[in-house]
Every structure is written in C-alpha cells, then in structure tokens.
N, C-alpha and C. Protein backbone atom coordinates (compact mmCIF):
# COMPACT_ATOMS: atom_id res chain seq x y z
N MET A 1 27.56 -14.21 -10.35
CA MET A 1 26.84 -15.34 -9.80
C MET A 1 25.37 -14.96 -9.66
N ARG A 2 24.50 -15.89 -10.01
CA ARG A 2 23.06 -15.65 -9.88
C ARG A 2 22.64 -15.77 -8.43
N LYS A 3 21.61 -15.03 -8.08
CA LYS A 3 21.02 -15.11 -6.74
C LYS A 3 19.59 -15.59 -6.87
N TYR A 4 19.12 -16.27 -5.82
CA TYR A 4 17.76 -16.82 -5.83
C TYR A 4 17.06 -16.44 -4.55
N GLN A 5 15.78 -16.25 -4.65
CA GLN A 5 14.94 -15.95 -3.49
C GLN A 5 13.96 -17.08 -3.31
N LYS A 6 13.72 -17.46 -2.07
CA LYS A 6 12.76 -18.52 -1.79
C LYS A 6 11.38 -18.10 -2.28
N LYS A 7 10.74 -19.01 -3.00
CA LYS A 7 9.39 -18.73 -3.49
C LYS A 7 8.44 -18.62 -2.32
N SER A 8 7.52 -17.73 -2.46
CA SER A 8 6.52 -17.54 -1.42
C SER A 8 5.50 -18.68 -1.47
N SER A 9 5.22 -19.25 -0.32
CA SER A 9 4.19 -20.28 -0.25
C SER A 9 3.50 -20.16 1.10
N VAL A 10 2.26 -20.53 1.12
CA VAL A 10 1.50 -20.49 2.36
C VAL A 10 1.42 -21.91 2.91
N ILE A 11 1.75 -22.05 4.17
CA ILE A 11 1.71 -23.35 4.84
C ILE A 11 0.79 -23.26 6.04
N GLU A 12 0.41 -24.40 6.57
CA GLU A 12 -0.31 -24.46 7.84
C GLU A 12 0.70 -24.97 8.86
N ALA A 13 0.63 -24.46 10.08
CA ALA A 13 1.57 -24.92 11.10
C ALA A 13 0.98 -24.69 12.49
N VAL A 14 1.45 -25.49 13.43
CA VAL A 14 1.08 -25.31 14.84
C VAL A 14 2.29 -25.74 15.66
N GLN A 15 2.50 -25.03 16.76
CA GLN A 15 3.62 -25.36 17.63
C GLN A 15 3.24 -26.54 18.53
N LEU A 16 4.13 -27.52 18.62
CA LEU A 16 3.87 -28.73 19.39
C LEU A 16 4.02 -28.44 20.87
N ARG A 17 2.90 -28.35 21.54
CA ARG A 17 2.81 -28.16 22.99
C ARG A 17 1.55 -28.88 23.45
N TRP A 18 1.54 -29.31 24.71
CA TRP A 18 0.32 -29.95 25.22
C TRP A 18 -0.87 -29.01 25.14
N SER A 19 -0.64 -27.71 25.36
CA SER A 19 -1.75 -26.75 25.32
C SER A 19 -2.30 -26.58 23.91
N GLU A 20 -1.56 -27.01 22.89
CA GLU A 20 -2.00 -26.90 21.50
C GLU A 20 -2.35 -28.27 20.90
N TRP A 21 -2.48 -29.29 21.76
CA TRP A 21 -2.66 -30.66 21.27
C TRP A 21 -3.82 -30.81 20.31
N ASP A 22 -4.97 -30.18 20.61
CA ASP A 22 -6.13 -30.30 19.72
C ASP A 22 -5.82 -29.72 18.34
N GLU A 23 -5.08 -28.62 18.29
CA GLU A 23 -4.71 -28.02 17.00
C GLU A 23 -3.73 -28.92 16.25
N VAL A 24 -2.82 -29.57 16.97
CA VAL A 24 -1.89 -30.51 16.33
C VAL A 24 -2.70 -31.64 15.67
N CYS A 25 -3.64 -32.20 16.40
CA CYS A 25 -4.48 -33.28 15.87
C CYS A 25 -5.30 -32.80 14.67
N GLU A 26 -5.81 -31.58 14.74
CA GLU A 26 -6.58 -31.03 13.63
C GLU A 26 -5.69 -30.87 12.39
N LEU A 27 -4.47 -30.37 12.58
CA LEU A 27 -3.55 -30.19 11.46
C LEU A 27 -3.21 -31.53 10.81
N LEU A 28 -2.97 -32.54 11.62
CA LEU A 28 -2.57 -33.85 11.10
C LEU A 28 -3.73 -34.60 10.45
N GLY A 29 -4.95 -34.14 10.66
CA GLY A 29 -6.12 -34.67 9.96
C GLY A 29 -6.25 -36.18 10.00
N GLY A 30 -6.13 -36.81 8.84
CA GLY A 30 -6.36 -38.24 8.69
C GLY A 30 -5.48 -39.12 9.55
N ILE A 31 -4.30 -38.63 9.93
CA ILE A 31 -3.45 -39.46 10.77
C ILE A 31 -3.58 -39.12 12.25
N ALA A 32 -4.43 -38.14 12.55
CA ALA A 32 -4.59 -37.72 13.95
C ALA A 32 -5.12 -38.84 14.83
N CYS A 33 -5.97 -39.70 14.29
CA CYS A 33 -6.53 -40.78 15.10
C CYS A 33 -5.43 -41.74 15.54
N ALA A 34 -4.31 -41.76 14.84
CA ALA A 34 -3.21 -42.65 15.19
C ALA A 34 -2.41 -42.11 16.38
N LEU A 35 -2.55 -40.84 16.67
CA LEU A 35 -1.71 -40.22 17.70
C LEU A 35 -1.85 -40.88 19.06
N ARG A 36 -3.07 -41.12 19.47
CA ARG A 36 -3.27 -41.68 20.79
C ARG A 36 -3.35 -43.21 20.76
N GLY A 37 -3.44 -43.77 19.56
CA GLY A 37 -3.58 -45.20 19.44
C GLY A 37 -2.28 -45.96 19.25
N GLY A 38 -1.16 -45.25 19.19
CA GLY A 38 0.13 -45.91 19.07
C GLY A 38 0.37 -46.53 17.70
N ALA A 39 -0.13 -45.91 16.63
CA ALA A 39 0.08 -46.44 15.29
C ALA A 39 1.56 -46.38 14.92
N ARG A 40 1.95 -47.16 13.94
CA ARG A 40 3.35 -47.21 13.54
C ARG A 40 3.82 -45.90 12.93
N ALA A 41 3.00 -45.25 12.11
CA ALA A 41 3.44 -44.06 11.39
C ALA A 41 3.63 -42.86 12.32
N VAL A 42 2.76 -42.71 13.27
CA VAL A 42 2.84 -41.57 14.17
C VAL A 42 2.63 -42.07 15.58
N GLU A 43 3.54 -41.74 16.44
CA GLU A 43 3.36 -42.13 17.83
C GLU A 43 3.67 -40.94 18.72
N SER A 44 3.03 -40.90 19.85
CA SER A 44 3.28 -39.82 20.79
C SER A 44 3.58 -40.43 22.13
N HIS A 45 4.28 -39.69 22.93
CA HIS A 45 4.47 -40.16 24.30
C HIS A 45 4.62 -38.96 25.23
N TYR A 46 4.39 -39.21 26.46
CA TYR A 46 4.42 -38.19 27.49
C TYR A 46 5.63 -38.45 28.35
N SER A 47 6.46 -37.45 28.52
CA SER A 47 7.64 -37.62 29.37
C SER A 47 7.36 -36.99 30.72
N GLU A 48 7.67 -37.71 31.76
CA GLU A 48 7.42 -37.22 33.11
C GLU A 48 8.21 -35.95 33.38
N THR A 49 7.74 -35.15 34.31
CA THR A 49 8.44 -33.93 34.69
C THR A 49 9.80 -34.28 35.27
N CYS A 50 10.81 -33.56 34.82
CA CYS A 50 12.17 -33.75 35.33
C CYS A 50 12.59 -32.48 36.05
N GLY A 51 12.68 -32.52 37.36
CA GLY A 51 13.07 -31.34 38.12
C GLY A 51 12.10 -30.21 37.90
N ASP A 52 12.63 -29.06 37.49
CA ASP A 52 11.80 -27.88 37.26
C ASP A 52 11.23 -27.83 35.85
N HIS A 53 11.61 -28.79 35.00
CA HIS A 53 11.16 -28.75 33.62
C HIS A 53 9.77 -29.36 33.50
N PRO A 54 8.88 -28.72 32.73
CA PRO A 54 7.53 -29.27 32.55
C PRO A 54 7.57 -30.49 31.65
N PRO A 55 6.53 -31.30 31.67
CA PRO A 55 6.44 -32.44 30.76
C PRO A 55 6.44 -31.93 29.32
N PHE A 56 6.86 -32.77 28.40
CA PHE A 56 6.91 -32.34 27.02
C PHE A 56 6.31 -33.41 26.11
N ALA A 57 6.02 -32.98 24.90
CA ALA A 57 5.42 -33.87 23.91
C ALA A 57 6.43 -34.12 22.80
N GLU A 58 6.38 -35.29 22.22
CA GLU A 58 7.15 -35.62 21.02
C GLU A 58 6.25 -36.40 20.08
N LEU A 59 6.44 -36.19 18.80
CA LEU A 59 5.70 -36.94 17.78
C LEU A 59 6.67 -37.48 16.75
N MET A 60 6.42 -38.66 16.28
CA MET A 60 7.13 -39.21 15.14
C MET A 60 6.25 -38.91 13.94
N ILE A 61 6.72 -38.07 13.02
CA ILE A 61 5.90 -37.60 11.91
C ILE A 61 6.37 -38.23 10.61
N PRO A 62 5.45 -38.81 9.82
CA PRO A 62 5.85 -39.33 8.52
C PRO A 62 6.06 -38.17 7.54
N THR A 63 7.26 -38.06 6.98
CA THR A 63 7.58 -37.02 6.00
C THR A 63 7.98 -37.72 4.70
N PRO A 64 8.09 -36.99 3.60
CA PRO A 64 8.56 -37.62 2.36
C PRO A 64 9.96 -38.21 2.50
N ASP A 65 10.72 -37.75 3.49
CA ASP A 65 12.08 -38.23 3.71
C ASP A 65 12.16 -39.31 4.79
N GLY A 66 11.02 -39.82 5.22
CA GLY A 66 10.99 -40.82 6.28
C GLY A 66 10.45 -40.24 7.56
N LEU A 67 10.48 -41.02 8.64
CA LEU A 67 9.97 -40.56 9.92
C LEU A 67 10.92 -39.54 10.54
N ARG A 68 10.35 -38.45 11.05
CA ARG A 68 11.13 -37.41 11.72
C ARG A 68 10.48 -37.11 13.06
N ILE A 69 11.28 -36.75 14.04
CA ILE A 69 10.77 -36.44 15.36
C ILE A 69 10.51 -34.94 15.48
N ALA A 70 9.30 -34.59 15.92
CA ALA A 70 8.98 -33.22 16.30
C ALA A 70 8.97 -33.20 17.82
N ARG A 71 9.80 -32.37 18.40
CA ARG A 71 9.89 -32.27 19.85
C ARG A 71 9.09 -31.09 20.36
N HIS A 72 8.79 -31.13 21.64
CA HIS A 72 8.03 -30.07 22.29
C HIS A 72 8.61 -28.70 21.91
N GLY A 73 7.77 -27.81 21.43
CA GLY A 73 8.19 -26.47 21.02
C GLY A 73 8.47 -26.35 19.54
N ASP A 74 8.74 -27.48 18.84
CA ASP A 74 8.92 -27.44 17.39
C ASP A 74 7.59 -27.11 16.74
N PHE A 75 7.64 -26.63 15.52
CA PHE A 75 6.43 -26.41 14.74
C PHE A 75 6.21 -27.62 13.85
N VAL A 76 4.97 -28.04 13.73
CA VAL A 76 4.59 -29.08 12.79
C VAL A 76 3.99 -28.36 11.59
N ILE A 77 4.59 -28.56 10.44
CA ILE A 77 4.21 -27.84 9.22
C ILE A 77 3.51 -28.79 8.27
N LYS A 78 2.46 -28.29 7.64
CA LYS A 78 1.80 -29.00 6.54
C LYS A 78 1.95 -28.10 5.32
N ASN A 79 2.67 -28.55 4.31
CA ASN A 79 2.90 -27.70 3.14
C ASN A 79 1.74 -27.79 2.15
N ALA A 80 1.86 -27.08 1.04
CA ALA A 80 0.78 -27.01 0.06
C ALA A 80 0.46 -28.36 -0.57
N ARG A 81 1.41 -29.30 -0.55
CA ARG A 81 1.17 -30.64 -1.10
C ARG A 81 0.60 -31.60 -0.06
N GLY A 82 0.37 -31.10 1.17
CA GLY A 82 -0.18 -31.95 2.21
C GLY A 82 0.86 -32.78 2.94
N GLU A 83 2.14 -32.46 2.75
CA GLU A 83 3.22 -33.18 3.41
C GLU A 83 3.54 -32.51 4.74
N PHE A 84 3.95 -33.31 5.71
CA PHE A 84 4.24 -32.80 7.05
C PHE A 84 5.74 -32.76 7.31
N TYR A 85 6.16 -31.76 8.08
CA TYR A 85 7.56 -31.60 8.46
C TYR A 85 7.64 -31.00 9.86
N PRO A 86 8.61 -31.41 10.66
CA PRO A 86 8.89 -30.68 11.90
C PRO A 86 9.85 -29.53 11.58
N CYS A 87 9.77 -28.46 12.35
CA CYS A 87 10.63 -27.30 12.12
C CYS A 87 10.98 -26.66 13.46
N LYS A 88 12.26 -26.43 13.70
CA LYS A 88 12.70 -25.78 14.94
C LYS A 88 12.16 -24.36 15.00
N PRO A 89 11.81 -23.86 16.20
CA PRO A 89 11.21 -22.54 16.34
C PRO A 89 12.04 -21.41 15.72
N ALA A 90 13.35 -21.40 15.90
CA ALA A 90 14.18 -20.32 15.35
C ALA A 90 14.14 -20.31 13.82
N VAL A 91 14.20 -21.48 13.22
CA VAL A 91 14.14 -21.59 11.76
C VAL A 91 12.75 -21.16 11.27
N PHE A 92 11.72 -21.59 11.99
CA PHE A 92 10.35 -21.24 11.62
C PHE A 92 10.17 -19.72 11.61
N ARG A 93 10.63 -19.07 12.66
CA ARG A 93 10.46 -17.61 12.77
C ARG A 93 11.25 -16.85 11.71
N GLU A 94 12.39 -17.38 11.29
CA GLU A 94 13.19 -16.74 10.24
C GLU A 94 12.57 -16.96 8.87
N THR A 95 11.83 -18.04 8.70
CA THR A 95 11.34 -18.44 7.38
C THR A 95 9.90 -18.01 7.12
N TYR A 96 9.07 -18.01 8.15
CA TYR A 96 7.63 -17.78 7.96
C TYR A 96 7.12 -16.62 8.78
N GLU A 97 6.05 -16.02 8.29
CA GLU A 97 5.32 -15.02 9.07
C GLU A 97 3.84 -15.32 8.94
N ALA A 98 3.09 -14.98 9.98
CA ALA A 98 1.66 -15.27 9.99
C ALA A 98 0.93 -14.46 8.92
N VAL A 99 -0.06 -15.07 8.31
CA VAL A 99 -0.91 -14.39 7.33
C VAL A 99 -2.36 -14.65 7.67
N GLY A 100 -3.22 -13.73 7.30
CA GLY A 100 -4.65 -13.94 7.48
C GLY A 100 -5.17 -13.80 8.90
N LEU A 101 -4.37 -13.29 9.79
CA LEU A 101 -4.80 -13.07 11.17
C LEU A 101 -4.56 -11.63 11.54
N ASP A 102 -5.41 -11.09 12.41
CA ASP A 102 -5.11 -9.75 12.87
C ASP A 102 -3.94 -9.83 13.85
N ASP A 103 -3.25 -8.73 14.10
CA ASP A 103 -2.04 -8.72 14.93
C ASP A 103 -2.26 -9.30 16.31
N ALA A 104 -3.45 -9.13 16.89
CA ALA A 104 -3.71 -9.62 18.24
C ALA A 104 -3.76 -11.15 18.30
N ASN A 105 -4.05 -11.79 17.16
CA ASN A 105 -4.21 -13.25 17.17
C ASN A 105 -3.02 -13.99 16.59
N GLN A 106 -1.98 -13.29 16.16
CA GLN A 106 -0.83 -13.97 15.56
C GLN A 106 -0.03 -14.67 16.63
N LYS A 107 0.33 -15.93 16.36
CA LYS A 107 1.16 -16.72 17.26
C LYS A 107 2.34 -17.25 16.48
N ALA A 108 3.51 -17.13 17.04
CA ALA A 108 4.70 -17.76 16.47
C ALA A 108 5.88 -17.51 17.36
C-alpha cells in the first residue's frame, strides 16, 4: 500500500480570543469591517459570563464549504489561496508549527 505525507504549506493563523481581536480582524482583512457591523457573511457576538467562565467570542466564517463557526480558543486559518477555516486547538497543534518567529515570540 502506498503512503502519503501532507504537503508542506505555510498558512496565517490567529487564535480566536478577545485579547487577540485586533489580530483576528487583521487576518480577515477585507471582511473584517463586517465583524462589528453584523454583516451576513461574518457575524460576531459576545456571550455574557456564565459562573466562573469568562466571556467568549464566536465568529461565523465564510469557507469554501459554506459558513463555519469558529469558537473562542479555535484558530482562524487563512490558507495560501486566501480561504478561511476554523481549526480546533488540538488539531492545529498537531498539524502546524510556527515559522519565522524566534522561540520567545512563538504562540500556539
């Protein structure tokens, strides 16, 4: 049986958190202005604090496969074709590693 290895590709990504909101908007570029304006393609909302849990962010992201929800803590990925995808943190860490940053500045 043949075996295959995932091709190496460089992506841009940021973890969805309120503390990273400006970076999320920067990554989303042309659709970032829709985030706070309640546009149909991308919408955000703020969930009130529940007990000891902090408030969280969610985004509806347009992907080639339709709208997908990125929840607080997920990574928002922009691939080489400029397409966006949400990615769970565990999958992100297994699939990607930081490039172009010194060790002190790597986040993931």
